[in-house]
Amino acid sequence: MPDNFDHSNDPDYNSILVNDLKCMNHNINDDIDLIWEDLNTRLHNKFGNAEEISKSTSYDSISWVRMILPAYLNWDRMKSTHMMLEFWKRKISRHFNKISSGKSKDKKSSDSDEANENSANDESEDIGVSEINKASTAGKY
């Protein structure tokens, strides 16, 4: 499964990491277990405890996590938490895939609805023309 985390122009993971640690009142020399505990709490607060992420999750939260998870995964000191970080990465990727496929389905559905509406309009126009033709041959128009 593609991870949906943009690595084409890999950002400066060090800067991302330092900035995110500052947001949690940590620095790169702090205890990894404490950093993980705070990061995991943030992730749970933003995305919930369930297997599925809430549909009401903000775009900013998704953007934030798609930026910071690779930074934490690339940080040598976080090796002990890689399994848990990978879990969050898969969870976010699944959610992102659902959102993306939902948008394309909505677009297809919208296009399909429009095509059906146009087809219905064409049929009603055909019915209208044939009704007028029948009526005119019967002398009603």
Protein backbone atom coordinates (compact mmCIF):
# COMPACT_ATOMS: atom_id res chain seq x y z
CA MET A 1 0.00 0.00 0.00
CA PRO A 2 1.48 3.39 -0.89
CA ASP A 3 2.05 5.48 2.21
CA ASN A 4 0.65 8.78 0.82
CA PHE A 5 3.44 10.64 2.54
CA ASP A 6 5.15 12.92 0.05
CA HIS A 7 8.84 12.08 -0.06
CA SER A 8 9.58 13.60 -3.48
CA ASN A 9 10.94 16.78 -1.94
CA ASP A 10 11.84 15.44 1.48
CA PRO A 11 11.79 18.38 3.84
CA ASP A 12 14.42 19.07 6.43
CA TYR A 13 13.38 16.43 8.97
CA ASN A 14 15.68 17.93 11.59
CA SER A 15 13.86 21.28 11.49
CA ILE A 16 10.46 19.62 11.48
CA LEU A 17 11.45 17.47 14.44
CA VAL A 18 12.93 20.34 16.46
CA ASN A 19 9.85 22.50 15.83
CA ASP A 20 7.45 19.71 16.74
CA LEU A 21 9.40 18.89 19.89
CA LYS A 22 9.22 22.58 20.87
CA CYS A 23 5.43 22.43 20.52
CA MET A 24 5.46 19.66 23.12
CA ASN A 25 7.97 21.52 25.34
CA HIS A 26 10.70 18.98 24.56
CA ASN A 27 14.07 19.04 22.88
CA ILE A 28 16.10 16.39 21.06
CA ASN A 29 17.95 15.42 24.25
CA ASP A 30 14.84 14.65 26.30
CA ASP A 31 13.83 11.15 27.33
CA ILE A 32 12.46 9.27 24.30
CA ASP A 33 9.75 7.58 26.35
CA LEU A 34 8.44 10.96 27.51
CA ILE A 35 8.57 12.33 23.96
CA TRP A 36 6.71 9.29 22.65
CA GLU A 37 4.12 9.52 25.41
CA ASP A 38 3.40 13.16 24.57
CA LEU A 39 3.43 12.55 20.81
CA ASN A 40 1.14 9.54 21.15
CA THR A 41 -1.22 11.58 23.34
CA ARG A 42 -1.31 14.32 20.68
CA LEU A 43 -2.04 11.73 17.99
CA HIS A 44 -4.86 10.23 20.04
CA ASN A 45 -6.29 13.68 20.77
CA LYS A 46 -6.26 14.64 17.10
CA PHE A 47 -7.31 11.31 15.56
CA GLY A 48 -9.04 9.34 18.30
CA ASN A 49 -8.43 5.98 19.92
CA ALA A 50 -10.37 3.87 17.46
CA GLU A 51 -8.93 2.00 14.49
CA GLU A 52 -10.66 4.44 12.15
CA ILE A 53 -9.97 8.16 12.18
CA SER A 54 -12.91 10.47 12.69
CA LYS A 55 -14.36 11.90 9.49
CA SER A 56 -14.33 15.32 11.15
CA THR A 57 -10.53 15.36 11.38
CA SER A 58 -9.23 18.67 10.11
CA TYR A 59 -7.13 19.09 7.02
CA ASP A 60 -4.51 20.86 9.16
CA SER A 61 -4.23 17.82 11.42
CA ILE A 62 -3.78 15.49 8.46
CA SER A 63 -1.16 17.83 6.95
CA TRP A 64 0.67 18.05 10.28
CA VAL A 65 0.81 14.29 10.82
CA ARG A 66 1.85 13.57 7.23
CA MET A 67 4.77 15.95 7.79
CA ILE A 68 5.89 14.90 11.28
CA LEU A 69 5.58 11.10 11.20
CA PRO A 70 8.38 10.66 8.62
CA ALA A 71 10.55 13.02 10.71
CA TYR A 72 10.06 10.88 13.82
CA LEU A 73 10.55 7.68 11.84
CA ASN A 74 13.86 9.00 10.49
CA TRP A 75 15.11 10.00 13.96
CA ASP A 76 17.55 7.36 15.21
CA ARG A 77 16.57 7.86 18.83
CA MET A 78 12.97 6.83 18.08
CA LYS A 79 13.88 3.31 16.90
CA SER A 80 12.22 1.81 19.97
CA THR A 81 8.90 3.36 18.88
CA HIS A 82 9.10 2.51 15.15
CA MET A 83 6.36 -0.12 15.33
CA MET A 84 3.97 2.35 16.95
CA LEU A 85 4.95 5.14 14.57
CA GLU A 86 4.40 2.77 11.62
CA PHE A 87 0.98 1.90 13.05
CA TRP A 88 0.05 5.59 13.06
CA LYS A 89 1.45 6.02 9.56
CA ARG A 90 -0.70 3.13 8.25
CA LYS A 91 -3.75 4.47 10.06
CA ILE A 92 -3.28 7.93 8.51
CA SER A 93 -2.60 6.42 5.07
CA ARG A 94 -5.82 4.36 5.21
CA HIS A 95 -7.78 7.45 6.19
CA PHE A 96 -6.14 9.49 3.43
CA ASN A 97 -6.90 6.75 0.88
CA LYS A 98 -10.55 6.71 1.98
CA ILE A 99 -10.79 10.47 1.67
CA SER A 100 -9.11 10.42 -1.74
CA SER A 101 -11.22 7.56 -3.08
CA GLY A 102 -14.34 9.15 -1.60
CA LYS A 103 -13.63 12.38 -3.43
CA SER A 104 -13.11 10.56 -6.71
CA LYS A 105 -16.28 8.52 -6.09
CA ASP A 106 -18.16 11.74 -5.29
CA LYS A 107 -16.83 13.25 -8.53
CA LYS A 108 -17.80 10.14 -10.50
CA SER A 109 -21.19 10.06 -8.78
CA SER A 110 -21.69 13.75 -9.52
CA ASP A 111 -20.70 13.21 -13.15
CA SER A 112 -23.00 10.18 -13.32
CA ASP A 113 -25.88 12.12 -11.74
CA GLU A 114 -25.35 14.93 -14.24
CA ALA A 115 -25.26 12.46 -17.13
CA ASN A 116 -28.45 10.81 -15.86
CA GLU A 117 -30.09 14.22 -15.48
CA ASN A 118 -29.05 15.19 -19.01
CA SER A 119 -30.31 11.86 -20.31
CA ALA A 120 -33.62 12.39 -18.51
CA ASN A 121 -33.85 15.91 -19.97
CA ASP A 122 -33.12 14.53 -23.44
CA GLU A 123 -35.84 11.89 -22.97
CA SER A 124 -38.36 14.46 -21.74
CA GLU A 125 -37.50 16.68 -24.70
CA ASP A 126 -38.00 13.69 -27.02
CA ILE A 127 -41.30 12.90 -25.34
CA GLY A 128 -42.31 16.55 -25.64
CA VAL A 129 -41.48 16.65 -29.35
CA SER A 130 -43.30 13.38 -30.07
CA GLU A 131 -46.32 14.53 -28.05
CA ILE A 132 -46.38 17.78 -30.00
CA ASN A 133 -46.07 15.87 -33.27
CA LYS A 134 -48.94 13.56 -32.26
CA ALA A 135 -51.06 16.49 -31.16
CA SER A 136 -50.38 18.47 -34.32
CA THR A 137 -51.30 15.53 -36.55
CA ALA A 138 -54.46 15.14 -34.54
CA GLY A 139 -55.19 18.84 -35.04
CA LYS A 140 -54.72 19.88 -31.43
CA TYR A 141 -51.98 22.47 -32.22
